[in-house]
PDB file of all heavy atoms in Angstrom:
ATOM      1  N   LEU A   1      54.192  44.038 -38.983  1.00  0.00           N
ATOM      2  CA  LEU A   1      53.591  45.078 -38.130  1.00  0.00           C
ATOM      3  C   LEU A   1      52.064  44.916 -38.019  1.00  0.00           C
ATOM      4  O   LEU A   1      51.426  45.076 -36.959  1.00  0.00           O
ATOM      5  CB  LEU A   1      53.903  46.422 -38.713  1.00  0.00           C
ATOM      6  CG  LEU A   1      55.363  46.820 -38.561  1.00  0.00           C
ATOM      7  CD1 LEU A   1      55.675  48.211 -39.116  1.00  0.00           C
ATOM      8  CD2 LEU A   1      55.959  46.767 -37.133  1.00  0.00           C
ATOM      9  N   GLY A   2      51.412  44.699 -39.123  1.00  0.00           N
ATOM     10  CA  GLY A   2      49.936  44.593 -39.069  1.00  0.00           C
ATOM     11  C   GLY A   2      49.477  43.292 -38.283  1.00  0.00           C
ATOM     12  O   GLY A   2      48.553  43.442 -37.581  1.00  0.00           O
ATOM     13  N   ALA A   3      50.240  42.230 -38.380  1.00  0.00           N
ATOM     14  CA  ALA A   3      49.985  40.971 -37.717  1.00  0.00           C
ATOM     15  C   ALA A   3      50.184  41.292 -36.116  1.00  0.00           C
ATOM     16  O   ALA A   3      49.372  40.769 -35.282  1.00  0.00           O
ATOM     17  CB  ALA A   3      50.775  39.815 -38.075  1.00  0.00           C
ATOM     18  N   ILE A   4      51.211  42.004 -35.883  1.00  0.00           N
ATOM     19  CA  ILE A   4      51.433  42.328 -34.386  1.00  0.00           C
ATOM     20  C   ILE A   4      50.413  43.212 -33.792  1.00  0.00           C
ATOM     21  O   ILE A   4      50.018  43.086 -32.662  1.00  0.00           O
ATOM     22  CB  ILE A   4      52.887  43.008 -34.228  1.00  0.00           C
ATOM     23  CG1 ILE A   4      54.015  42.094 -34.443  1.00  0.00           C
ATOM     24  CG2 ILE A   4      53.081  43.644 -32.831  1.00  0.00           C
ATOM     25  CD1 ILE A   4      54.171  41.005 -33.447  1.00  0.00           C
ATOM     26  N   ALA A   5      49.835  44.050 -34.707  1.00  0.00           N
ATOM     27  CA  ALA A   5      48.854  44.985 -34.236  1.00  0.00           C
ATOM     28  C   ALA A   5      47.568  44.329 -34.003  1.00  0.00           C
ATOM     29  O   ALA A   5      46.723  44.727 -33.028  1.00  0.00           O
ATOM     30  CB  ALA A   5      48.601  46.188 -35.315  1.00  0.00           C
ATOM     31  N   VAL A   6      47.174  43.286 -34.692  1.00  0.00           N
ATOM     32  CA  VAL A   6      45.829  42.725 -34.579  1.00  0.00           C
ATOM     33  C   VAL A   6      45.671  41.454 -33.931  1.00  0.00           C
ATOM     34  O   VAL A   6      44.679  41.008 -33.324  1.00  0.00           O
ATOM     35  CB  VAL A   6      45.067  42.703 -36.101  1.00  0.00           C
ATOM     36  CG1 VAL A   6      45.084  44.039 -36.668  1.00  0.00           C
ATOM     37  CG2 VAL A   6      45.843  41.668 -36.915  1.00  0.00           C
ATOM     38  N   LEU A   7      46.834  40.632 -34.119  1.00  0.00           N
ATOM     39  CA  LEU A   7      46.716  39.250 -33.665  1.00  0.00           C
ATOM     40  C   LEU A   7      46.493  39.264 -32.045  1.00  0.00           C
ATOM     41  O   LEU A   7      45.779  38.330 -31.566  1.00  0.00           O
ATOM     42  CB  LEU A   7      48.004  38.451 -33.900  1.00  0.00           C
ATOM     43  CG  LEU A   7      48.094  38.017 -35.371  1.00  0.00           C
ATOM     44  CD1 LEU A   7      49.451  37.272 -35.581  1.00  0.00           C
ATOM     45  CD2 LEU A   7      46.836  37.129 -35.588  1.00  0.00           C
ATOM     46  N   PRO A   8      47.186  40.048 -31.230  1.00  0.00           N
ATOM     47  CA  PRO A   8      46.896  39.928 -29.770  1.00  0.00           C
ATOM     48  C   PRO A   8      45.368  40.242 -29.551  1.00  0.00           C
ATOM     49  O   PRO A   8      44.909  39.577 -28.562  1.00  0.00           O
ATOM     50  CB  PRO A   8      47.796  41.134 -29.276  1.00  0.00           C
ATOM     51  CG  PRO A   8      48.839  41.291 -30.212  1.00  0.00           C
ATOM     52  CD  PRO A   8      48.217  40.959 -31.600  1.00  0.00           C
ATOM     53  N   SER A   9      44.687  41.072 -30.236  1.00  0.00           N
ATOM     54  CA  SER A   9      43.259  41.310 -29.976  1.00  0.00           C
ATOM     55  C   SER A   9      42.476  40.101 -30.314  1.00  0.00           C
ATOM     56  O   SER A   9      41.616  39.711 -29.555  1.00  0.00           O
ATOM     57  CB  SER A   9      42.769  42.469 -30.844  1.00  0.00           C
ATOM     58  OG  SER A   9      43.389  43.671 -30.465  1.00  0.00           O
ATOM     59  N   LEU A  10      42.797  39.461 -31.440  1.00  0.00           N
ATOM     60  CA  LEU A  10      42.111  38.294 -31.726  1.00  0.00           C
ATOM     61  C   LEU A  10      42.384  37.192 -30.692  1.00  0.00           C
ATOM     62  O   LEU A  10      41.591  36.200 -30.434  1.00  0.00           O
ATOM     63  CB  LEU A  10      42.488  37.895 -33.158  1.00  0.00           C
ATOM     64  CG  LEU A  10      42.201  38.831 -34.286  1.00  0.00           C
ATOM     65  CD1 LEU A  10      42.781  38.275 -35.663  1.00  0.00           C
ATOM     66  CD2 LEU A  10      40.766  39.114 -34.241  1.00  0.00           C
ATOM     67  N   ALA A  11      43.677  37.067 -30.205  1.00  0.00           N
ATOM     68  CA  ALA A  11      44.179  36.059 -29.398  1.00  0.00           C
ATOM     69  C   ALA A  11      43.311  36.161 -28.030  1.00  0.00           C
ATOM     70  O   ALA A  11      43.313  35.180 -27.222  1.00  0.00           O
ATOM     71  CB  ALA A  11      45.555  36.034 -29.017  1.00  0.00           C
ATOM     72  N   THR A  12      42.866  37.297 -27.554  1.00  0.00           N
ATOM     73  CA  THR A  12      41.989  37.458 -26.376  1.00  0.00           C
ATOM     74  C   THR A  12      40.855  36.438 -26.351  1.00  0.00           C
ATOM     75  O   THR A  12      40.477  35.859 -25.346  1.00  0.00           O
ATOM     76  CB  THR A  12      41.520  38.909 -26.270  1.00  0.00           C
ATOM     77  OG1 THR A  12      42.540  39.709 -26.312  1.00  0.00           O
ATOM     78  CG2 THR A  12      40.694  39.081 -25.046  1.00  0.00           C
ATOM     79  N   ASN A  13      40.261  36.234 -27.414  1.00  0.00           N
ATOM     80  CA  ASN A  13      39.219  35.258 -27.510  1.00  0.00           C
ATOM     81  C   ASN A  13      39.494  33.785 -27.070  1.00  0.00           C
ATOM     82  O   ASN A  13      38.734  32.994 -26.698  1.00  0.00           O
ATOM     83  CB  ASN A  13      38.481  35.171 -28.864  1.00  0.00           C
ATOM     84  CG  ASN A  13      37.924  36.474 -29.322  1.00  0.00           C
ATOM     85  OD1 ASN A  13      37.339  37.281 -28.408  1.00  0.00           O
ATOM     86  ND2 ASN A  13      38.012  36.949 -30.578  1.00  0.00           N
ATOM     87  N   LEU A  14      40.861  33.517 -27.379  1.00  0.00           N
ATOM     88  CA  LEU A  14      41.320  32.168 -27.021  1.00  0.00           C
ATOM     89  C   LEU A  14      41.894  31.986 -25.508  1.00  0.00           C
ATOM     90  O   LEU A  14      41.680  31.055 -24.915  1.00  0.00           O
ATOM     91  CB  LEU A  14      42.558  31.787 -27.956  1.00  0.00           C
ATOM     92  CG  LEU A  14      42.252  31.695 -29.374  1.00  0.00           C
ATOM     93  CD1 LEU A  14      43.596  31.386 -30.160  1.00  0.00           C
ATOM     94  CD2 LEU A  14      41.341  30.562 -29.606  1.00  0.00           C
ATOM     95  N   THR A  15      42.512  33.063 -25.103  1.00  0.00           N
ATOM     96  CA  THR A  15      43.092  33.167 -23.686  1.00  0.00           C
ATOM     97  C   THR A  15      42.174  33.625 -22.593  1.00  0.00           C
ATOM     98  O   THR A  15      42.310  33.299 -21.484  1.00  0.00           O
ATOM     99  CB  THR A  15      44.375  33.965 -23.650  1.00  0.00           C
ATOM    100  OG1 THR A  15      44.080  35.365 -24.000  1.00  0.00           O
ATOM    101  CG2 THR A  15      45.251  33.413 -24.767  1.00  0.00           C
ATOM    102  N   GLY A  16      41.271  34.640 -23.006  1.00  0.00           N
ATOM    103  CA  GLY A  16      40.460  35.343 -21.989  1.00  0.00           C
ATOM    104  C   GLY A  16      41.185  36.356 -21.195  1.00  0.00           C
ATOM    105  O   GLY A  16      40.702  36.887 -20.226  1.00  0.00           O
ATOM    106  N   ILE A  17      42.438  36.581 -21.609  1.00  0.00           N
ATOM    107  CA  ILE A  17      43.300  37.665 -20.981  1.00  0.00           C
ATOM    108  C   ILE A  17      43.114  38.976 -21.726  1.00  0.00           C
ATOM    109  O   ILE A  17      43.768  39.123 -22.755  1.00  0.00           O
ATOM    110  CB  ILE A  17      44.831  37.274 -20.888  1.00  0.00           C
ATOM    111  CG1 ILE A  17      44.795  35.870 -20.170  1.00  0.00           C
ATOM    112  CG2 ILE A  17      45.556  38.232 -20.021  1.00  0.00           C
ATOM    113  CD1 ILE A  17      46.238  35.210 -20.112  1.00  0.00           C
ATOM    114  N   SER A  18      42.352  39.889 -21.215  1.00  0.00           N
ATOM    115  CA  SER A  18      42.107  41.202 -21.880  1.00  0.00           C
ATOM    116  C   SER A  18      43.402  41.966 -21.988  1.00  0.00           C
ATOM    117  O   SER A  18      43.494  42.843 -22.881  1.00  0.00           O
ATOM    118  CB  SER A  18      41.018  41.934 -21.161  1.00  0.00           C
ATOM    119  OG  SER A  18      41.259  42.152 -19.845  1.00  0.00           O
ATOM    120  N   THR A  19      44.313  41.922 -20.980  1.00  0.00           N
ATOM    121  CA  THR A  19      45.505  42.768 -21.060  1.00  0.00           C
ATOM    122  C   THR A  19      46.388  42.415 -22.321  1.00  0.00           C
ATOM    123  O   THR A  19      47.153  43.177 -22.709  1.00  0.00           O
ATOM    124  CB  THR A  19      46.335  42.539 -19.819  1.00  0.00           C
ATOM    125  OG1 THR A  19      46.651  41.118 -19.592  1.00  0.00           O
ATOM    126  CG2 THR A  19      45.621  43.035 -18.551  1.00  0.00           C
ATOM    127  N   LEU A  20      46.129  41.093 -22.795  1.00  0.00           N
ATOM    128  CA  LEU A  20      47.028  40.793 -23.921  1.00  0.00           C
ATOM    129  C   LEU A  20      46.502  41.589 -25.263  1.00  0.00           C
ATOM    130  O   LEU A  20      47.340  41.865 -26.161  1.00  0.00           O
ATOM    131  CB  LEU A  20      46.760  39.238 -24.328  1.00  0.00           C
ATOM    132  CG  LEU A  20      47.611  38.592 -25.510  1.00  0.00           C
ATOM    133  CD1 LEU A  20      49.096  38.849 -25.156  1.00  0.00           C
ATOM    134  CD2 LEU A  20      47.243  37.238 -25.650  1.00  0.00           C
ATOM    135  N   THR A  21      45.233  42.149 -25.288  1.00  0.00           N
ATOM    136  CA  THR A  21      44.772  42.941 -26.233  1.00  0.00           C
ATOM    137  C   THR A  21      45.746  44.149 -26.552  1.00  0.00           C
ATOM    138  O   THR A  21      45.994  44.497 -27.795  1.00  0.00           O
ATOM    139  CB  THR A  21      43.315  43.295 -26.084  1.00  0.00           C
ATOM    140  OG1 THR A  21      42.505  42.207 -25.922  1.00  0.00           O
ATOM    141  CG2 THR A  21      42.779  44.156 -27.224  1.00  0.00           C
ATOM    142  N   LEU A  22      46.107  44.704 -25.525  1.00  0.00           N
ATOM    143  CA  LEU A  22      46.920  45.928 -25.645  1.00  0.00           C
ATOM    144  C   LEU A  22      48.397  45.622 -25.678  1.00  0.00           C
ATOM    145  O   LEU A  22      49.238  46.467 -25.859  1.00  0.00           O
ATOM    146  CB  LEU A  22      46.635  46.888 -24.511  1.00  0.00           C
ATOM    147  CG  LEU A  22      45.214  47.338 -24.396  1.00  0.00           C
ATOM    148  CD1 LEU A  22      45.001  48.238 -23.164  1.00  0.00           C
ATOM    149  CD2 LEU A  22      44.714  47.890 -25.681  1.00  0.00           C
ATOM    150  N   GLY A  23      48.768  44.240 -25.321  1.00  0.00           N
ATOM    151  CA  GLY A  23      50.228  43.856 -25.095  1.00  0.00           C
ATOM    152  C   GLY A  23      50.961  43.933 -26.408  1.00  0.00           C
ATOM    153  O   GLY A  23      52.100  44.310 -26.341  1.00  0.00           O
ATOM    154  N   GLY A  24      50.375  43.456 -27.476  1.00  0.00           N
ATOM    155  CA  GLY A  24      51.060  43.225 -28.766  1.00  0.00           C
ATOM    156  C   GLY A  24      51.653  44.628 -29.199  1.00  0.00           C
ATOM    157  O   GLY A  24      52.875  44.746 -29.419  1.00  0.00           O
ATOM    158  N   THR A  25      50.791  45.533 -29.271  1.00  0.00           N
ATOM    159  CA  THR A  25      51.215  47.015 -29.688  1.00  0.00           C
ATOM    160  C   THR A  25      52.185  47.626 -28.764  1.00  0.00           C
ATOM    161  O   THR A  25      53.125  48.209 -29.139  1.00  0.00           O
ATOM    162  CB  THR A  25      49.968  47.874 -29.947  1.00  0.00           C
ATOM    163  OG1 THR A  25      49.070  47.291 -30.818  1.00  0.00           O
ATOM    164  CG2 THR A  25      50.457  49.200 -30.479  1.00  0.00           C
ATOM    165  N   GLY A  26      51.767  47.404 -27.461  1.00  0.00           N
ATOM    166  CA  GLY A  26      52.627  47.917 -26.507  1.00  0.00           C
ATOM    167  C   GLY A  26      54.015  47.352 -26.482  1.00  0.00           C
ATOM    168  O   GLY A  26      55.115  48.161 -26.349  1.00  0.00           O
TER     169      GLY A  26
END
């Protein structure tokens, strides 16, 4: 659960897709 919560935010730096930041938790 912790990984799901934080990894999408960290992955934004790789993809440049800001919507992914909120996608994992959602």
